[in-house]
PDB file of N, CA and C in Angstrom:
ATOM      1  N   MET A   1     -13.698 -42.723  18.112  1.00  0.00           N
ATOM      2  CA  MET A   1     -14.695 -43.310  17.141  1.00  0.00           C
ATOM      3  C   MET A   1     -14.395 -45.129  18.162  1.00  0.00           C
ATOM      4  N   GLU A   2     -15.716 -45.100  18.051  1.00  0.00           N
ATOM      5  CA  GLU A   2     -15.363 -47.227  18.895  1.00  0.00           C
ATOM      6  C   GLU A   2     -14.828 -47.852  17.398  1.00  0.00           C
ATOM      7  N   LYS A   3     -14.602 -49.061  17.902  1.00  0.00           N
ATOM      8  CA  LYS A   3     -13.351 -50.289  17.461  1.00  0.00           C
ATOM      9  C   LYS A   3     -14.606 -51.397  16.630  1.00  0.00           C
ATOM     10  N   ARG A   4     -14.779 -51.984  15.203  1.00  0.00           N
ATOM     11  CA  ARG A   4     -15.781 -52.395  15.265  1.00  0.00           C
ATOM     12  C   ARG A   4     -15.121 -53.480  14.153  1.00  0.00           C
ATOM     13  N   LEU A   5     -15.042 -54.734  13.684  1.00  0.00           N
ATOM     14  CA  LEU A   5     -14.838 -55.957  12.912  1.00  0.00           C
ATOM     15  C   LEU A   5     -16.297 -56.006  12.704  1.00  0.00           C
ATOM     16  N   VAL A   6     -16.476 -55.423  10.665  1.00  0.00           N
ATOM     17  CA  VAL A   6     -17.626 -55.941  10.467  1.00  0.00           C
ATOM     18  C   VAL A   6     -17.547 -57.700   9.894  1.00  0.00           C
ATOM     19  N   ILE A   7     -18.530 -58.338   9.487  1.00  0.00           N
ATOM     20  CA  ILE A   7     -18.208 -59.591   9.157  1.00  0.00           C
ATOM     21  C   ILE A   7     -19.554 -59.531   7.893  1.00  0.00           C
ATOM     22  N   GLU A   8     -19.106 -59.695   7.109  1.00  0.00           N
ATOM     23  CA  GLU A   8     -20.003 -60.776   5.925  1.00  0.00           C
ATOM     24  C   GLU A   8     -19.420 -61.723   5.628  1.00  0.00           C
ATOM     25  N   ILE A   9     -20.414 -62.883   5.739  1.00  0.00           N
ATOM     26  CA  ILE A   9     -20.407 -64.054   5.291  1.00  0.00           C
ATOM     27  C   ILE A   9     -21.585 -64.587   3.880  1.00  0.00           C
ATOM     28  N   GLY A  10     -20.874 -65.378   2.616  1.00  0.00           N
ATOM     29  CA  GLY A  10     -21.418 -65.271   1.866  1.00  0.00           C
ATOM     30  C   GLY A  10     -21.919 -66.563   1.427  1.00  0.00           C
ATOM     31  N   ILE A  11     -22.818 -66.252   0.303  1.00  0.00           N
ATOM     32  CA  ILE A  11     -23.798 -67.728   0.727  1.00  0.00           C
ATOM     33  C   ILE A  11     -22.652 -68.965   0.242  1.00  0.00           C
ATOM     34  N   ASP A  12     -21.473 -68.623  -0.587  1.00  0.00           N
ATOM     35  CA  ASP A  12     -20.622 -69.483  -0.773  1.00  0.00           C
ATOM     36  C   ASP A  12     -19.681 -69.906   0.633  1.00  0.00           C
ATOM     37  N   GLY A  13     -20.110 -68.952   1.697  1.00  0.00           N
ATOM     38  CA  GLY A  13     -19.096 -69.651   2.912  1.00  0.00           C
ATOM     39  C   GLY A  13     -18.107 -69.338   3.543  1.00  0.00           C
ATOM     40  N   LYS A  14     -17.999 -68.253   2.062  1.00  0.00           N
ATOM     41  CA  LYS A  14     -16.366 -67.285   3.065  1.00  0.00           C
ATOM     42  C   LYS A  14     -16.426 -66.004   3.480  1.00  0.00           C
ATOM     43  N   VAL A  15     -16.168 -65.836   4.273  1.00  0.00           N
ATOM     44  CA  VAL A  15     -16.127 -64.616   5.098  1.00  0.00           C
ATOM     45  C   VAL A  15     -14.971 -63.657   4.792  1.00  0.00           C
ATOM     46  N   LYS A  16     -15.647 -62.789   4.504  1.00  0.00           N
ATOM     47  CA  LYS A  16     -14.898 -60.969   4.613  1.00  0.00           C
ATOM     48  C   LYS A  16     -15.401 -60.152   6.035  1.00  0.00           C
ATOM     49  N   ALA A  17     -14.072 -59.656   6.315  1.00  0.00           N
ATOM     50  CA  ALA A  17     -13.798 -58.897   7.490  1.00  0.00           C
ATOM     51  C   ALA A  17     -13.240 -57.906   7.513  1.00  0.00           C
ATOM     52  N   GLU A  18     -13.504 -57.159   8.383  1.00  0.00           N
ATOM     53  CA  GLU A  18     -13.465 -55.509   7.538  1.00  0.00           C
ATOM     54  C   GLU A  18     -12.562 -54.730   9.274  1.00  0.00           C
ATOM     55  N   THR A  19     -12.189 -53.807   9.713  1.00  0.00           N
ATOM     56  CA  THR A  19     -11.747 -53.410  10.478  1.00  0.00           C
ATOM     57  C   THR A  19     -12.339 -52.122  10.468  1.00  0.00           C
ATOM     58  N   VAL A  20     -13.221 -51.670  11.477  1.00  0.00           N
ATOM     59  CA  VAL A  20     -13.474 -50.241  11.963  1.00  0.00           C
ATOM     60  C   VAL A  20     -12.590 -49.473  12.862  1.00  0.00           C
ATOM     61  N   GLY A  21     -12.515 -48.710  12.980  1.00  0.00           N
ATOM     62  CA  GLY A  21     -11.432 -47.611  13.828  1.00  0.00           C
ATOM     63  C   GLY A  21     -10.143 -48.490  14.424  1.00  0.00           C
ATOM     64  N   ILE A  22      -9.736 -49.098  14.304  1.00  0.00           N
ATOM     65  CA  ILE A  22      -9.169 -49.744  14.867  1.00  0.00           C
ATOM     66  C   ILE A  22      -7.251 -49.078  13.693  1.00  0.00           C
ATOM     67  N   LYS A  23      -6.344 -48.087  14.228  1.00  0.00           N
ATOM     68  CA  LYS A  23      -5.864 -47.462  13.157  1.00  0.00           C
ATOM     69  C   LYS A  23      -4.136 -48.127  13.431  1.00  0.00           C
ATOM     70  N   GLY A  24      -3.638 -47.966  11.793  1.00  0.00           N
ATOM     71  CA  GLY A  24      -1.917 -48.482  12.030  1.00  0.00           C
ATOM     72  C   GLY A  24      -2.816 -50.821  12.427  1.00  0.00           C
ATOM     73  N   LYS A  25      -1.549 -51.107  12.610  1.00  0.00           N
ATOM     74  CA  LYS A  25      -1.261 -52.759  11.960  1.00  0.00           C
ATOM     75  C   LYS A  25      -2.106 -53.243  13.431  1.00  0.00           C
ATOM     76  N   ALA A  26      -2.114 -52.874  14.811  1.00  0.00           N
ATOM     77  CA  ALA A  26      -3.838 -53.453  15.236  1.00  0.00           C
ATOM     78  C   ALA A  26      -4.853 -54.267  15.306  1.00  0.00           C
ATOM     79  N   CYS A  27      -4.679 -53.418  13.933  1.00  0.00           N
ATOM     80  CA  CYS A  27      -6.029 -54.485  13.355  1.00  0.00           C
ATOM     81  C   CYS A  27      -5.701 -55.607  12.443  1.00  0.00           C
ATOM     82  N   LEU A  28      -4.825 -55.915  12.481  1.00  0.00           N
ATOM     83  CA  LEU A  28      -4.493 -57.369  12.487  1.00  0.00           C
ATOM     84  C   LEU A  28      -4.736 -58.285  13.412  1.00  0.00           C
ATOM     85  N   GLU A  29      -4.941 -57.350  14.839  1.00  0.00           N
ATOM     86  CA  GLU A  29      -4.853 -58.599  15.723  1.00  0.00           C
ATOM     87  C   GLU A  29      -6.168 -59.085  15.620  1.00  0.00           C
ATOM     88  N   TYR A  30      -7.298 -58.077  15.767  1.00  0.00           N
ATOM     89  CA  TYR A  30      -8.391 -58.917  15.492  1.00  0.00           C
ATOM     90  C   TYR A  30      -8.620 -59.527  14.465  1.00  0.00           C
ATOM     91  N   ILE A  31      -7.790 -59.523  13.367  1.00  0.00           N
ATOM     92  CA  ILE A  31      -7.757 -60.721  11.938  1.00  0.00           C
ATOM     93  C   ILE A  31      -7.254 -61.924  12.955  1.00  0.00           C
ATOM     94  N   GLU A  32      -6.510 -61.769  12.880  1.00  0.00           N
ATOM     95  CA  GLU A  32      -5.946 -62.718  13.794  1.00  0.00           C
ATOM     96  C   GLU A  32      -6.555 -63.884  14.443  1.00  0.00           C
ATOM     97  N   LEU A  33      -7.374 -62.742  15.278  1.00  0.00           N
ATOM     98  CA  LEU A  33      -8.220 -63.104  16.395  1.00  0.00           C
ATOM     99  C   LEU A  33      -9.850 -64.561  15.399  1.00  0.00           C
ATOM    100  N   LEU A  34      -9.957 -63.908  14.786  1.00  0.00           N
ATOM    101  CA  LEU A  34     -11.347 -64.277  14.034  1.00  0.00           C
ATOM    102  C   LEU A  34     -10.522 -65.272  13.172  1.00  0.00           C
ATOM    103  N   GLU A  35      -9.222 -64.684  12.641  1.00  0.00           N
ATOM    104  CA  GLU A  35      -9.096 -66.644  12.114  1.00  0.00           C
ATOM    105  C   GLU A  35      -8.980 -67.384  13.159  1.00  0.00           C
ATOM    106  N   LYS A  36      -9.270 -67.140  14.093  1.00  0.00           N
ATOM    107  CA  LYS A  36      -8.538 -68.656  15.899  1.00  0.00           C
ATOM    108  C   LYS A  36     -10.380 -68.459  15.441  1.00  0.00           C
ATOM    109  N   LEU A  37     -10.771 -67.774  15.934  1.00  0.00           N
ATOM    110  CA  LEU A  37     -12.182 -68.680  15.919  1.00  0.00           C
ATOM    111  C   LEU A  37     -12.898 -69.568  15.255  1.00  0.00           C
ATOM    112  N   LEU A  38     -12.401 -69.614  13.911  1.00  0.00           N
ATOM    113  CA  LEU A  38     -13.012 -70.004  12.469  1.00  0.00           C
ATOM    114  C   LEU A  38     -11.656 -70.725  12.518  1.00  0.00           C
ATOM    115  N   ASP A  39     -11.398 -71.012  12.937  1.00  0.00           N
ATOM    116  CA  ASP A  39      -9.914 -71.989  12.317  1.00  0.00           C
ATOM    117  C   ASP A  39     -10.114 -71.748  11.057  1.00  0.00           C
ATOM    118  N   ALA A  40     -10.098 -70.437  10.349  1.00  0.00           N
ATOM    119  CA  ALA A  40      -9.601 -69.762   9.524  1.00  0.00           C
ATOM    120  C   ALA A  40      -8.411 -69.508   9.144  1.00  0.00           C
ATOM    121  N   GLU A  41      -8.159 -69.566   7.829  1.00  0.00           N
ATOM    122  CA  GLU A  41      -7.038 -68.525   7.698  1.00  0.00           C
ATOM    123  C   GLU A  41      -7.300 -67.349   6.355  1.00  0.00           C
ATOM    124  N   THR A  42      -6.358 -66.736   6.687  1.00  0.00           N
ATOM    125  CA  THR A  42      -7.068 -65.200   5.399  1.00  0.00           C
ATOM    126  C   THR A  42      -6.462 -65.820   4.338  1.00  0.00           C
ATOM    127  N   ILE A  43      -6.637 -65.183   2.868  1.00  0.00           N
ATOM    128  CA  ILE A  43      -6.519 -65.530   1.954  1.00  0.00           C
ATOM    129  C   ILE A  43      -5.927 -64.652   0.552  1.00  0.00           C
ATOM    130  N   ASP A  44      -6.678 -63.164   1.284  1.00  0.00           N
ATOM    131  CA  ASP A  44      -6.058 -62.071   0.670  1.00  0.00           C
ATOM    132  C   ASP A  44      -6.096 -60.841   1.822  1.00  0.00           C
ATOM    133  N   SER A  45      -5.817 -59.557   2.075  1.00  0.00           N
ATOM    134  CA  SER A  45      -5.569 -58.519   2.430  1.00  0.00           C
ATOM    135  C   SER A  45      -5.978 -57.532   1.198  1.00  0.00           C
ATOM    136  N   ASN A  46      -6.708 -56.642   1.747  1.00  0.00           N
ATOM    137  CA  ASN A  46      -6.815 -55.163   1.469  1.00  0.00           C
ATOM    138  C   ASN A  46      -6.495 -54.198   2.720  1.00  0.00           C
ATOM    139  N   TYR A  47      -5.546 -53.830   2.440  1.00  0.00           N
ATOM    140  CA  TYR A  47      -5.651 -51.962   3.504  1.00  0.00           C
ATOM    141  C   TYR A  47      -6.160 -51.101   3.800  1.00  0.00           C
ATOM    142  N   LEU A  48      -6.296 -50.647   4.050  1.00  0.00           N
ATOM    143  CA  LEU A  48      -7.027 -49.419   4.036  1.00  0.00           C
ATOM    144  C   LEU A  48      -6.578 -48.291   4.472  1.00  0.00           C
ATOM    145  N   SER A  49      -6.739 -47.089   4.722  1.00  0.00           N
ATOM    146  CA  SER A  49      -6.637 -45.811   4.791  1.00  0.00           C
ATOM    147  C   SER A  49      -6.165 -45.651   6.248  1.00  0.00           C
ATOM    148  N   GLU A  50      -6.964 -46.596   7.565  1.00  0.00           N
ATOM    149  CA  GLU A  50      -6.426 -46.384   8.675  1.00  0.00           C
ATOM    150  C   GLU A  50      -5.725 -47.225   9.023  1.00  0.00           C
ATOM    151  N   TYR A  51      -4.883 -48.075   7.806  1.00  0.00           N
ATOM    152  CA  TYR A  51      -3.820 -49.388   8.296  1.00  0.00           C
ATOM    153  C   TYR A  51      -2.347 -48.556   8.269  1.00  0.00           C
ATOM    154  N   TYR A  52      -2.710 -47.257   7.665  1.00  0.00           N
ATOM    155  CA  TYR A  52      -1.023 -46.614   7.364  1.00  0.00           C
ATOM    156  C   TYR A  52      -0.955 -45.549   8.777  1.00  0.00           C
ATOM    157  N   GLU A  53      -2.468 -45.225   8.953  1.00  0.00           N
ATOM    158  CA  GLU A  53      -2.563 -44.014   9.779  1.00  0.00           C
ATOM    159  C   GLU A  53      -1.622 -44.487  11.856  1.00  0.00           C
ATOM    160  N   THR A  54      -1.764 -43.487  12.456  1.00  0.00           N
ATOM    161  CA  THR A  54      -0.988 -44.361  13.503  1.00  0.00           C
ATOM    162  C   THR A  54      -2.004 -43.550  14.878  1.00  0.00           C
ATOM    163  N   ASN A  55      -2.977 -44.554  15.936  1.00  0.00           N
ATOM    164  CA  ASN A  55      -2.999 -44.295  17.390  1.00  0.00           C
ATOM    165  C   ASN A  55      -2.069 -43.132  18.169  1.00  0.00           C
ATOM    166  N   ILE A  56      -2.390 -42.176  18.076  1.00  0.00           N
ATOM    167  CA  ILE A  56      -1.708 -41.304  19.084  1.00  0.00           C
ATOM    168  C   ILE A  56      -2.290 -41.226  20.696  1.00  0.00           C
ATOM    169  N   LYS A  57      -1.712 -41.858  21.239  1.00  0.00           N
ATOM    170  CA  LYS A  57      -2.483 -41.456  22.684  1.00  0.00           C
ATOM    171  C   LYS A  57      -2.364 -40.489  23.343  1.00  0.00           C
ATOM    172  N   THR A  58      -3.193 -38.884  24.010  1.00  0.00           N
ATOM    173  CA  THR A  58      -2.906 -38.425  25.026  1.00  0.00           C
ATOM    174  C   THR A  58      -2.978 -38.368  25.846  1.00  0.00           C
ATOM    175  N   ASP A  59      -1.820 -38.070  26.681  1.00  0.00           N
ATOM    176  CA  ASP A  59      -1.380 -37.803  28.421  1.00  0.00           C
ATOM    177  C   ASP A  59      -3.031 -36.712  28.812  1.00  0.00           C
ATOM    178  N   GLU A  60      -3.469 -36.680  29.139  1.00  0.00           N
ATOM    179  CA  GLU A  60      -4.080 -35.538  29.857  1.00  0.00           C
ATOM    180  C   GLU A  60      -3.735 -34.378  30.978  1.00  0.00           C
ATOM    181  N   LYS A  61      -3.264 -35.115  31.576  1.00  0.00           N
ATOM    182  CA  LYS A  61      -1.922 -33.674  32.754  1.00  0.00           C
ATOM    183  C   LYS A  61      -0.995 -33.533  32.014  1.00  0.00           C
ATOM    184  N   LEU A  62      -0.914 -33.415  30.853  1.00  0.00           N
ATOM    185  CA  LEU A  62       0.904 -33.892  30.606  1.00  0.00           C
ATOM    186  C   LEU A  62      -0.201 -32.380  29.155  1.00  0.00           C
ATOM    187  N   ILE A  63      -0.972 -32.769  28.648  1.00  0.00           N
ATOM    188  CA  ILE A  63      -2.084 -31.551  28.319  1.00  0.00           C
ATOM    189  C   ILE A  63      -1.899 -30.160  29.322  1.00  0.00           C
ATOM    190  N   GLN A  64      -2.660 -30.846  30.421  1.00  0.00           N
ATOM    191  CA  GLN A  64      -2.900 -29.578  31.178  1.00  0.00           C
ATOM    192  C   GLN A  64      -1.933 -28.478  32.123  1.00  0.00           C
ATOM    193  N   LYS A  65      -1.174 -29.273  32.164  1.00  0.00           N
ATOM    194  CA  LYS A  65       0.588 -29.197  32.526  1.00  0.00           C
ATOM    195  C   LYS A  65       0.584 -27.398  30.860  1.00  0.00           C
ATOM    196  N   VAL A  66       1.412 -28.164  29.757  1.00  0.00           N
ATOM    197  CA  VAL A  66       1.098 -26.889  28.856  1.00  0.00           C
ATOM    198  C   VAL A  66       0.584 -25.849  28.918  1.00  0.00           C
ATOM    199  N   ARG A  67      -1.135 -26.678  28.955  1.00  0.00           N
ATOM    200  CA  ARG A  67      -1.777 -25.131  28.942  1.00  0.00           C
ATOM    201  C   ARG A  67      -1.684 -24.413  30.096  1.00  0.00           C
ATOM    202  N   GLU A  68      -1.038 -24.678  31.054  1.00  0.00           N
ATOM    203  CA  GLU A  68      -0.573 -24.053  31.770  1.00  0.00           C
ATOM    204  C   GLU A  68       0.455 -22.982  32.336  1.00  0.00           C
ATOM    205  N   ILE A  69       1.325 -23.177  31.395  1.00  0.00           N
ATOM    206  CA  ILE A  69       2.382 -22.296  31.283  1.00  0.00           C
ATOM    207  C   ILE A  69       1.942 -20.985  29.874  1.00  0.00           C
TER     208      ILE A  69
END
């Protein structure tokens, strides 16, 4: 799944951002970057189910070795 940052700017100037395809606490790095770019700070946060998931990296060579056994 591709990683995305969905940003919504309301008519009142409030910015709402949501990370998509980013598992675990890595999503917070994207929000932190957005805060720096906008010179803003997060007032409220809601964590989606992806926040509680982990991103498992697979080693294709290891997988191939296991298949050969």
